[in-house]
Amino acid sequence: MTTPDSLRWVKSSYSNNGGQCIEVATDLVVSRGVVPVRDSKSPAGPVLDFPAGAFSSFVASVKAGEFGAV
């Protein structure tokens, strides 16, 4: 059984450790087709699983600036 503790979590290389980061795990993309996401400040907190295709589209949209400056 896969648990949040057994996944390899990573933060964006653009993260400046300002405390408002998320972590993602790509371990389950191939086997389950999902990308788990969690708040880096609360690693024991909830994990949201996004469909891999939807997460990929979201990241591409962010990179393209479709959401404006944050």
PDB file of N, CA and C in Angstrom:
ATOM      1  N   MET A   1       0.829  -1.188   0.000  1.00  0.00           N
ATOM      2  CA  MET A   1       0.000   0.000   0.000  1.00  0.00           C
ATOM      3  C   MET A   1       0.869   1.246   0.000  1.00  0.00           C
ATOM      4  N   THR A   2       0.529   2.184  -0.854  1.00  0.00           N
ATOM      5  CA  THR A   2       1.275   3.435  -0.926  1.00  0.00           C
ATOM      6  C   THR A   2       0.716   4.418   0.091  1.00  0.00           C
ATOM      7  N   THR A   3       1.606   5.019   0.863  1.00  0.00           N
ATOM      8  CA  THR A   3       1.210   6.034   1.835  1.00  0.00           C
ATOM      9  C   THR A   3       1.966   7.322   1.518  1.00  0.00           C
ATOM     10  N   PRO A   4       1.494   8.483   2.018  1.00  0.00           N
ATOM     11  CA  PRO A   4       2.230   9.726   1.770  1.00  0.00           C
ATOM     12  C   PRO A   4       3.683   9.652   2.214  1.00  0.00           C
ATOM     13  N   ASP A   5       3.952   8.878   3.270  1.00  0.00           N
ATOM     14  CA  ASP A   5       5.326   8.761   3.760  1.00  0.00           C
ATOM     15  C   ASP A   5       6.216   7.967   2.814  1.00  0.00           C
ATOM     16  N   SER A   6       5.625   7.130   1.963  1.00  0.00           N
ATOM     17  CA  SER A   6       6.435   6.296   1.076  1.00  0.00           C
ATOM     18  C   SER A   6       6.705   6.963  -0.270  1.00  0.00           C
ATOM     19  N   LEU A   7       6.153   8.151  -0.489  1.00  0.00           N
ATOM     20  CA  LEU A   7       6.357   8.850  -1.761  1.00  0.00           C
ATOM     21  C   LEU A   7       7.591   9.746  -1.694  1.00  0.00           C
ATOM     22  N   ARG A   8       8.136  10.064  -2.860  1.00  0.00           N
ATOM     23  CA  ARG A   8       9.279  10.994  -2.938  1.00  0.00           C
ATOM     24  C   ARG A   8       8.721  12.369  -3.292  1.00  0.00           C
ATOM     25  N   TRP A   9       8.674  13.258  -2.301  1.00  0.00           N
ATOM     26  CA  TRP A   9       8.095  14.589  -2.450  1.00  0.00           C
ATOM     27  C   TRP A   9       9.154  15.581  -2.888  1.00  0.00           C
ATOM     28  N   VAL A  10       8.784  16.486  -3.794  1.00  0.00           N
ATOM     29  CA  VAL A  10       9.702  17.528  -4.258  1.00  0.00           C
ATOM     30  C   VAL A  10       8.976  18.865  -4.331  1.00  0.00           C
ATOM     31  N   LYS A  11       9.741  19.930  -4.133  1.00  0.00           N
ATOM     32  CA  LYS A  11       9.241  21.295  -4.308  1.00  0.00           C
ATOM     33  C   LYS A  11       9.790  21.828  -5.613  1.00  0.00           C
ATOM     34  N   SER A  12       9.147  22.834  -6.134  1.00  0.00           N
ATOM     35  CA  SER A  12       9.613  23.484  -7.347  1.00  0.00           C
ATOM     36  C   SER A  12      11.008  24.070  -7.142  1.00  0.00           C
ATOM     37  N   SER A  13      11.811  24.022  -8.175  1.00  0.00           N
ATOM     38  CA  SER A  13      13.130  24.657  -8.100  1.00  0.00           C
ATOM     39  C   SER A  13      12.996  26.172  -8.023  1.00  0.00           C
ATOM     40  N   TYR A  14      11.819  26.702  -8.303  1.00  0.00           N
ATOM     41  CA  TYR A  14      11.567  28.135  -8.218  1.00  0.00           C
ATOM     42  C   TYR A  14      11.133  28.551  -6.818  1.00  0.00           C
ATOM     43  N   SER A  15      10.941  27.604  -5.934  1.00  0.00           N
ATOM     44  CA  SER A  15      10.515  27.895  -4.570  1.00  0.00           C
ATOM     45  C   SER A  15      11.623  28.637  -3.843  1.00  0.00           C
ATOM     46  N   ASN A  16      11.243  29.706  -3.160  1.00  0.00           N
ATOM     47  CA  ASN A  16      12.254  30.444  -2.392  1.00  0.00           C
ATOM     48  C   ASN A  16      12.118  30.161  -0.901  1.00  0.00           C
ATOM     49  N   ASN A  17      11.421  29.078  -0.565  1.00  0.00           N
ATOM     50  CA  ASN A  17      11.216  28.662   0.824  1.00  0.00           C
ATOM     51  C   ASN A  17      10.561  29.749   1.661  1.00  0.00           C
ATOM     52  N   GLY A  18       9.659  30.517   1.059  1.00  0.00           N
ATOM     53  CA  GLY A  18       8.944  31.563   1.764  1.00  0.00           C
ATOM     54  C   GLY A  18       7.760  31.054   2.558  1.00  0.00           C
ATOM     55  N   GLY A  19       7.582  29.760   2.612  1.00  0.00           N
ATOM     56  CA  GLY A  19       6.524  29.195   3.415  1.00  0.00           C
ATOM     57  C   GLY A  19       5.209  28.992   2.690  1.00  0.00           C
ATOM     58  N   GLN A  20       5.122  29.363   1.421  1.00  0.00           N
ATOM     59  CA  GLN A  20       3.883  29.191   0.672  1.00  0.00           C
ATOM     60  C   GLN A  20       4.128  28.246  -0.499  1.00  0.00           C
ATOM     61  N   CYS A  21       4.574  27.059  -0.177  1.00  0.00           N
ATOM     62  CA  CYS A  21       4.961  26.108  -1.213  1.00  0.00           C
ATOM     63  C   CYS A  21       4.079  24.867  -1.162  1.00  0.00           C
ATOM     64  N   ILE A  22       4.020  24.210  -2.286  1.00  0.00           N
ATOM     65  CA  ILE A  22       3.418  22.889  -2.340  1.00  0.00           C
ATOM     66  C   ILE A  22       4.503  21.899  -2.711  1.00  0.00           C
ATOM     67  N   GLU A  23       4.238  20.653  -2.428  1.00  0.00           N
ATOM     68  CA  GLU A  23       5.124  19.573  -2.836  1.00  0.00           C
ATOM     69  C   GLU A  23       4.320  18.621  -3.699  1.00  0.00           C
ATOM     70  N   VAL A  24       4.971  18.036  -4.672  1.00  0.00           N
ATOM     71  CA  VAL A  24       4.325  17.046  -5.539  1.00  0.00           C
ATOM     72  C   VAL A  24       5.147  15.769  -5.512  1.00  0.00           C
ATOM     73  N   ALA A  25       4.483  14.672  -5.801  1.00  0.00           N
ATOM     74  CA  ALA A  25       5.154  13.377  -5.914  1.00  0.00           C
ATOM     75  C   ALA A  25       4.764  12.794  -7.271  1.00  0.00           C
ATOM     76  N   THR A  26       5.754  12.385  -8.041  1.00  0.00           N
ATOM     77  CA  THR A  26       5.468  11.833  -9.365  1.00  0.00           C
ATOM     78  C   THR A  26       5.478  10.309  -9.373  1.00  0.00           C
ATOM     79  N   ASP A  27       5.638   9.708  -8.214  1.00  0.00           N
ATOM     80  CA  ASP A  27       5.731   8.250  -8.103  1.00  0.00           C
ATOM     81  C   ASP A  27       4.519   7.504  -8.674  1.00  0.00           C
ATOM     82  N   LEU A  28       3.346   8.125  -8.640  1.00  0.00           N
ATOM     83  CA  LEU A  28       2.110   7.422  -9.002  1.00  0.00           C
ATOM     84  C   LEU A  28       1.585   7.764 -10.394  1.00  0.00           C
ATOM     85  N   VAL A  29       2.341   8.552 -11.161  1.00  0.00           N
ATOM     86  CA  VAL A  29       1.873   8.959 -12.493  1.00  0.00           C
ATOM     87  C   VAL A  29       1.681   7.739 -13.396  1.00  0.00           C
ATOM     88  N   VAL A  30       2.651   6.882 -13.470  1.00  0.00           N
ATOM     89  CA  VAL A  30       2.571   5.729 -14.370  1.00  0.00           C
ATOM     90  C   VAL A  30       1.606   4.674 -13.844  1.00  0.00           C
ATOM     91  N   SER A  31       1.717   4.329 -12.571  1.00  0.00           N
ATOM     92  CA  SER A  31       0.918   3.224 -12.040  1.00  0.00           C
ATOM     93  C   SER A  31      -0.549   3.576 -11.787  1.00  0.00           C
ATOM     94  N   ARG A  32      -0.821   4.822 -11.403  1.00  0.00           N
ATOM     95  CA  ARG A  32      -2.205   5.185 -11.058  1.00  0.00           C
ATOM     96  C   ARG A  32      -2.741   6.384 -11.824  1.00  0.00           C
ATOM     97  N   GLY A  33      -1.867   7.079 -12.552  1.00  0.00           N
ATOM     98  CA  GLY A  33      -2.308   8.228 -13.341  1.00  0.00           C
ATOM     99  C   GLY A  33      -2.663   9.446 -12.526  1.00  0.00           C
ATOM    100  N   VAL A  34      -2.063   9.579 -11.332  1.00  0.00           N
ATOM    101  CA  VAL A  34      -2.344  10.733 -10.484  1.00  0.00           C
ATOM    102  C   VAL A  34      -1.053  11.403 -10.017  1.00  0.00           C
ATOM    103  N   VAL A  35      -1.191  12.689  -9.664  1.00  0.00           N
ATOM    104  CA  VAL A  35      -0.093  13.450  -9.075  1.00  0.00           C
ATOM    105  C   VAL A  35      -0.552  13.899  -7.686  1.00  0.00           C
ATOM    106  N   PRO A  36      -0.004  13.312  -6.623  1.00  0.00           N
ATOM    107  CA  PRO A  36      -0.336  13.761  -5.276  1.00  0.00           C
ATOM    108  C   PRO A  36       0.300  15.128  -4.996  1.00  0.00           C
ATOM    109  N   VAL A  37      -0.461  15.991  -4.316  1.00  0.00           N
ATOM    110  CA  VAL A  37      -0.003  17.344  -3.981  1.00  0.00           C
ATOM    111  C   VAL A  37      -0.314  17.591  -2.514  1.00  0.00           C
ATOM    112  N   ARG A  38       0.633  18.218  -1.800  1.00  0.00           N
ATOM    113  CA  ARG A  38       0.407  18.553  -0.396  1.00  0.00           C
ATOM    114  C   ARG A  38       1.051  19.891  -0.062  1.00  0.00           C
ATOM    115  N   ASP A  39       0.657  20.462   1.056  1.00  0.00           N
ATOM    116  CA  ASP A  39       1.211  21.710   1.563  1.00  0.00           C
ATOM    117  C   ASP A  39       2.549  21.393   2.222  1.00  0.00           C
ATOM    118  N   SER A  40       3.596  22.082   1.827  1.00  0.00           N
ATOM    119  CA  SER A  40       4.924  21.786   2.376  1.00  0.00           C
ATOM    120  C   SER A  40       5.021  22.117   3.863  1.00  0.00           C
ATOM    121  N   LYS A  41       4.173  23.016   4.355  1.00  0.00           N
ATOM    122  CA  LYS A  41       4.190  23.364   5.775  1.00  0.00           C
ATOM    123  C   LYS A  41       3.510  22.310   6.634  1.00  0.00           C
ATOM    124  N   SER A  42       2.730  21.439   5.997  1.00  0.00           N
ATOM    125  CA  SER A  42       1.962  20.443   6.741  1.00  0.00           C
ATOM    126  C   SER A  42       2.073  19.071   6.074  1.00  0.00           C
ATOM    127  N   PRO A  43       3.267  18.484   6.098  1.00  0.00           N
ATOM    128  CA  PRO A  43       3.459  17.215   5.402  1.00  0.00           C
ATOM    129  C   PRO A  43       2.589  16.070   5.920  1.00  0.00           C
ATOM    130  N   ALA A  44       2.105  16.166   7.144  1.00  0.00           N
ATOM    131  CA  ALA A  44       1.227  15.133   7.680  1.00  0.00           C
ATOM    132  C   ALA A  44      -0.246  15.440   7.387  1.00  0.00           C
ATOM    133  N   GLY A  45      -0.496  16.577   6.756  1.00  0.00           N
ATOM    134  CA  GLY A  45      -1.862  16.985   6.452  1.00  0.00           C
ATOM    135  C   GLY A  45      -2.410  16.273   5.237  1.00  0.00           C
ATOM    136  N   PRO A  46      -3.528  16.792   4.729  1.00  0.00           N
ATOM    137  CA  PRO A  46      -4.190  16.128   3.604  1.00  0.00           C
ATOM    138  C   PRO A  46      -3.352  16.153   2.322  1.00  0.00           C
ATOM    139  N   VAL A  47      -3.579  15.158   1.503  1.00  0.00           N
ATOM    140  CA  VAL A  47      -2.942  15.041   0.187  1.00  0.00           C
ATOM    141  C   VAL A  47      -4.059  15.033  -0.852  1.00  0.00           C
ATOM    142  N   LEU A  48      -3.927  15.875  -1.864  1.00  0.00           N
ATOM    143  CA  LEU A  48      -4.892  15.898  -2.961  1.00  0.00           C
ATOM    144  C   LEU A  48      -4.286  15.169  -4.147  1.00  0.00           C
ATOM    145  N   ASP A  49      -5.037  14.252  -4.730  1.00  0.00           N
ATOM    146  CA  ASP A  49      -4.590  13.526  -5.922  1.00  0.00           C
ATOM    147  C   ASP A  49      -5.266  14.134  -7.149  1.00  0.00           C
ATOM    148  N   PHE A  50      -4.455  14.654  -8.069  1.00  0.00           N
ATOM    149  CA  PHE A  50      -4.975  15.230  -9.307  1.00  0.00           C
ATOM    150  C   PHE A  50      -4.683  14.288 -10.466  1.00  0.00           C
ATOM    151  N   PRO A  51      -5.611  14.156 -11.406  1.00  0.00           N
ATOM    152  CA  PRO A  51      -5.309  13.368 -12.601  1.00  0.00           C
ATOM    153  C   PRO A  51      -4.053  13.936 -13.270  1.00  0.00           C
ATOM    154  N   ALA A  52      -3.158  13.060 -13.703  1.00  0.00           N
ATOM    155  CA  ALA A  52      -1.877  13.495 -14.258  1.00  0.00           C
ATOM    156  C   ALA A  52      -2.059  14.450 -15.438  1.00  0.00           C
ATOM    157  N   GLY A  53      -3.008  14.185 -16.324  1.00  0.00           N
ATOM    158  CA  GLY A  53      -3.230  15.060 -17.465  1.00  0.00           C
ATOM    159  C   GLY A  53      -3.692  16.449 -17.053  1.00  0.00           C
ATOM    160  N   ALA A  54      -4.575  16.513 -16.063  1.00  0.00           N
ATOM    161  CA  ALA A  54      -5.062  17.799 -15.571  1.00  0.00           C
ATOM    162  C   ALA A  54      -3.935  18.581 -14.906  1.00  0.00           C
ATOM    163  N   PHE A  55      -3.102  17.897 -14.129  1.00  0.00           N
ATOM    164  CA  PHE A  55      -1.991  18.582 -13.467  1.00  0.00           C
ATOM    165  C   PHE A  55      -0.994  19.102 -14.497  1.00  0.00           C
ATOM    166  N   SER A  56      -0.734  18.308 -15.514  1.00  0.00           N
ATOM    167  CA  SER A  56       0.177  18.729 -16.581  1.00  0.00           C
ATOM    168  C   SER A  56      -0.358  19.967 -17.300  1.00  0.00           C
ATOM    169  N   SER A  57      -1.655  19.982 -17.573  1.00  0.00           N
ATOM    170  CA  SER A  57      -2.274  21.148 -18.217  1.00  0.00           C
ATOM    171  C   SER A  57      -2.189  22.380 -17.327  1.00  0.00           C
ATOM    172  N   PHE A  58      -2.405  22.200 -16.024  1.00  0.00           N
ATOM    173  CA  PHE A  58      -2.308  23.304 -15.077  1.00  0.00           C
ATOM    174  C   PHE A  58      -0.894  23.888 -15.079  1.00  0.00           C
ATOM    175  N   VAL A  59       0.119  23.038 -14.996  1.00  0.00           N
ATOM    176  CA  VAL A  59       1.504  23.511 -14.981  1.00  0.00           C
ATOM    177  C   VAL A  59       1.833  24.249 -16.278  1.00  0.00           C
ATOM    178  N   ALA A  60       1.395  23.720 -17.410  1.00  0.00           N
ATOM    179  CA  ALA A  60       1.640  24.385 -18.694  1.00  0.00           C
ATOM    180  C   ALA A  60       0.975  25.759 -18.730  1.00  0.00           C
ATOM    181  N   SER A  61      -0.229  25.862 -18.180  1.00  0.00           N
ATOM    182  CA  SER A  61      -0.933  27.145 -18.145  1.00  0.00           C
ATOM    183  C   SER A  61      -0.224  28.155 -17.257  1.00  0.00           C
ATOM    184  N   VAL A  62       0.289  27.692 -16.120  1.00  0.00           N
ATOM    185  CA  VAL A  62       1.047  28.582 -15.238  1.00  0.00           C
ATOM    186  C   VAL A  62       2.290  29.090 -15.947  1.00  0.00           C
ATOM    187  N   LYS A  63       3.023  28.181 -16.602  1.00  0.00           N
ATOM    188  CA  LYS A  63       4.233  28.569 -17.328  1.00  0.00           C
ATOM    189  C   LYS A  63       3.940  29.541 -18.452  1.00  0.00           C
ATOM    190  N   ALA A  64       2.755  29.421 -19.067  1.00  0.00           N
ATOM    191  CA  ALA A  64       2.371  30.303 -20.175  1.00  0.00           C
ATOM    192  C   ALA A  64       1.846  31.653 -19.667  1.00  0.00           C
ATOM    193  N   GLY A  65       1.717  31.809 -18.361  1.00  0.00           N
ATOM    194  CA  GLY A  65       1.245  33.060 -17.794  1.00  0.00           C
ATOM    195  C   GLY A  65      -0.253  33.267 -17.890  1.00  0.00           C
ATOM    196  N   GLU A  66      -1.000  32.195 -18.081  1.00  0.00           N
ATOM    197  CA  GLU A  66      -2.439  32.317 -18.258  1.00  0.00           C
ATOM    198  C   GLU A  66      -3.178  32.747 -16.998  1.00  0.00           C
ATOM    199  N   PHE A  67      -2.535  32.699 -15.845  1.00  0.00           N
ATOM    200  CA  PHE A  67      -3.191  33.093 -14.608  1.00  0.00           C
ATOM    201  C   PHE A  67      -2.718  34.453 -14.127  1.00  0.00           C
ATOM    202  N   GLY A  68      -1.874  35.115 -14.882  1.00  0.00           N
ATOM    203  CA  GLY A  68      -1.349  36.413 -14.498  1.00  0.00           C
ATOM    204  C   GLY A  68      -0.270  36.274 -13.432  1.00  0.00           C
ATOM    205  N   ALA A  69       0.175  37.406 -12.940  1.00  0.00           N
ATOM    206  CA  ALA A  69       1.211  37.428 -11.909  1.00  0.00           C
ATOM    207  C   ALA A  69       0.580  37.166 -10.553  1.00  0.00           C
ATOM    208  N   VAL A  70       1.296  36.433  -9.742  1.00  0.00           N
ATOM    209  CA  VAL A  70       0.815  36.163  -8.379  1.00  0.00           C
ATOM    210  C   VAL A  70       1.789  36.691  -7.365  1.00  0.00           C
TER     211      VAL A  70
END
